Protein backbone atom coordinates (compact mmCIF):
# COMPACT_ATOMS: atom_id res chain seq x y z
CA UNK A 1 -41.72 99.91 191.32
CA UNK A 2 -43.67 100.78 187.59
CA UNK A 3 -46.43 99.20 189.43
CA UNK A 4 -46.80 101.23 192.72
CA UNK A 5 -46.06 104.45 191.11
CA UNK A 6 -48.60 103.95 188.78
CA UNK A 7 -51.72 103.04 191.24
CA UNK A 8 -53.66 106.34 192.28
CA UNK A 9 -53.26 108.07 195.32
CA UNK A 10 -49.52 106.23 196.14
CA UNK A 11 -46.54 108.06 196.86
CA UNK A 12 -42.87 106.15 197.01
CA UNK A 13 -40.96 107.47 199.99
CA UNK A 14 -37.73 106.45 201.08
CA UNK A 15 -36.43 106.72 204.93
CA UNK A 16 -33.80 109.51 205.20
CA UNK A 17 -31.21 107.14 206.48
CA UNK A 18 -32.07 104.82 203.79
CA UNK A 19 -31.81 107.59 201.16
CA UNK A 20 -28.24 108.92 202.82
CA UNK A 21 -26.63 104.87 202.95
CA UNK A 22 -27.61 104.60 198.66
CA UNK A 23 -26.46 108.22 198.55
CA UNK A 24 -22.98 108.20 200.47
CA UNK A 25 -22.09 105.17 198.89
CA UNK A 26 -22.84 105.01 195.35
CA UNK A 27 -19.41 105.29 192.83
CA UNK A 28 -19.12 108.36 190.74
CA UNK A 29 -19.86 106.91 187.57
CA UNK A 30 -23.53 105.78 189.23
CA UNK A 31 -24.37 109.28 190.39
CA UNK A 32 -26.41 110.38 187.33
CA UNK A 33 -28.30 107.04 187.46
CA UNK A 34 -28.85 106.76 191.09
CA UNK A 35 -29.89 110.24 191.55
CA UNK A 36 -32.56 109.82 188.71
CA UNK A 37 -34.15 107.17 190.38
CA UNK A 38 -33.93 108.64 193.78
CA UNK A 39 -35.97 111.76 192.39
CA UNK A 40 -38.86 109.35 192.32
CA UNK A 41 -39.12 109.42 195.64
CA UNK A 42 -40.07 111.74 198.69
CA UNK A 43 -37.77 111.31 201.46
CA UNK A 44 -39.53 110.92 205.03
CA UNK A 45 -37.71 113.25 207.69
CA UNK A 46 -36.38 111.80 210.97
CA UNK A 47 -38.44 113.69 213.53
CA UNK A 48 -37.49 113.32 217.33
CA UNK A 49 -40.54 111.27 217.83
CA UNK A 50 -39.59 108.48 215.26
CA UNK A 51 -36.01 108.54 216.92
CA UNK A 52 -37.68 108.06 220.29
CA UNK A 53 -39.84 105.25 218.57
CA UNK A 54 -37.05 103.74 216.54
CA UNK A 55 -35.17 103.28 219.99
CA UNK A 56 -37.80 101.56 221.40
CA UNK A 57 -38.54 99.08 218.59
CA UNK A 58 -34.33 98.58 218.75
CA UNK A 59 -34.31 97.76 221.95
CA UNK A 60 -37.19 95.35 221.65
CA UNK A 61 -36.04 93.62 218.44
CA UNK A 62 -32.26 94.30 218.45
CA UNK A 63 -31.56 91.28 220.89
CA UNK A 64 -34.00 88.56 219.04
CA UNK A 65 -33.81 89.39 215.54
CA UNK A 66 -30.85 91.65 215.42
CA UNK A 67 -32.08 94.58 213.72
CA UNK A 68 -29.99 97.52 213.30
CA UNK A 69 -30.18 101.36 213.87
CA UNK A 70 -31.76 102.15 210.32
CA UNK A 71 -34.16 99.44 210.45
CA UNK A 72 -35.32 100.71 213.78
CA UNK A 73 -35.69 104.13 212.24
CA UNK A 74 -37.49 102.95 209.29
CA UNK A 75 -39.69 100.64 210.91
CA UNK A 76 -40.62 103.80 213.33
CA UNK A 77 -41.17 106.13 210.37
CA UNK A 78 -43.24 103.81 208.67
CA UNK A 79 -45.52 103.16 211.74
CA UNK A 80 -45.42 106.68 212.07
CA UNK A 81 -46.91 107.39 208.55
CA UNK A 82 -49.13 104.50 208.06
CA UNK A 83 -46.64 103.26 205.06
CA UNK A 84 -45.61 99.82 204.22
CA UNK A 85 -41.92 98.60 204.10
CA UNK A 86 -41.13 96.70 200.60
CA UNK A 87 -37.68 94.61 201.47
CA UNK A 88 -35.98 92.04 200.72
CA UNK A 89 -35.09 91.92 204.26
CA UNK A 90 -38.32 90.64 206.10
CA UNK A 91 -36.80 89.30 208.93
CA UNK A 92 -35.24 93.23 209.75
CA UNK A 93 -39.18 93.71 210.48
CA UNK A 94 -40.60 91.48 212.86
CA UNK A 95 -43.02 94.05 214.35
CA UNK A 96 -46.60 92.63 213.83
CA UNK A 97 -48.01 95.77 213.21
CA UNK A 98 -45.90 96.87 210.30
CA UNK A 99 -46.81 95.69 207.06
CA UNK A 100 -43.52 94.21 205.25
CA UNK A 101 -43.99 93.21 201.74
CA UNK A 102 -41.02 91.14 199.60
CA UNK A 103 -40.06 93.96 197.42
CA UNK A 104 -39.38 91.80 193.97
CA UNK A 105 -38.43 87.96 193.63
CA UNK A 106 -34.63 87.30 193.12
CA UNK A 107 -33.64 84.55 190.48
């Protein structure tokens, strides 16, 4: 993340639903560190167009790849804004026009 955030002209974004997942499920003792970490990201709003585009992606890829609503909304957000998705779950983003990059290597 340090490398990405230090690149000229690069902003770090998080989808609204992904931010909600993190914030809703953090433990009280995790709150200061989690909110500090999230402060590095801008939060992308969920617009009517993103919801509609996400629904198309969900109907297309849920039966074959098992994507969920959050995956579809994030993919639609990235496709609308031209963003890239960094994730450990690349299989949740089978859309050929969406750039998906493995976030980091696990040990």
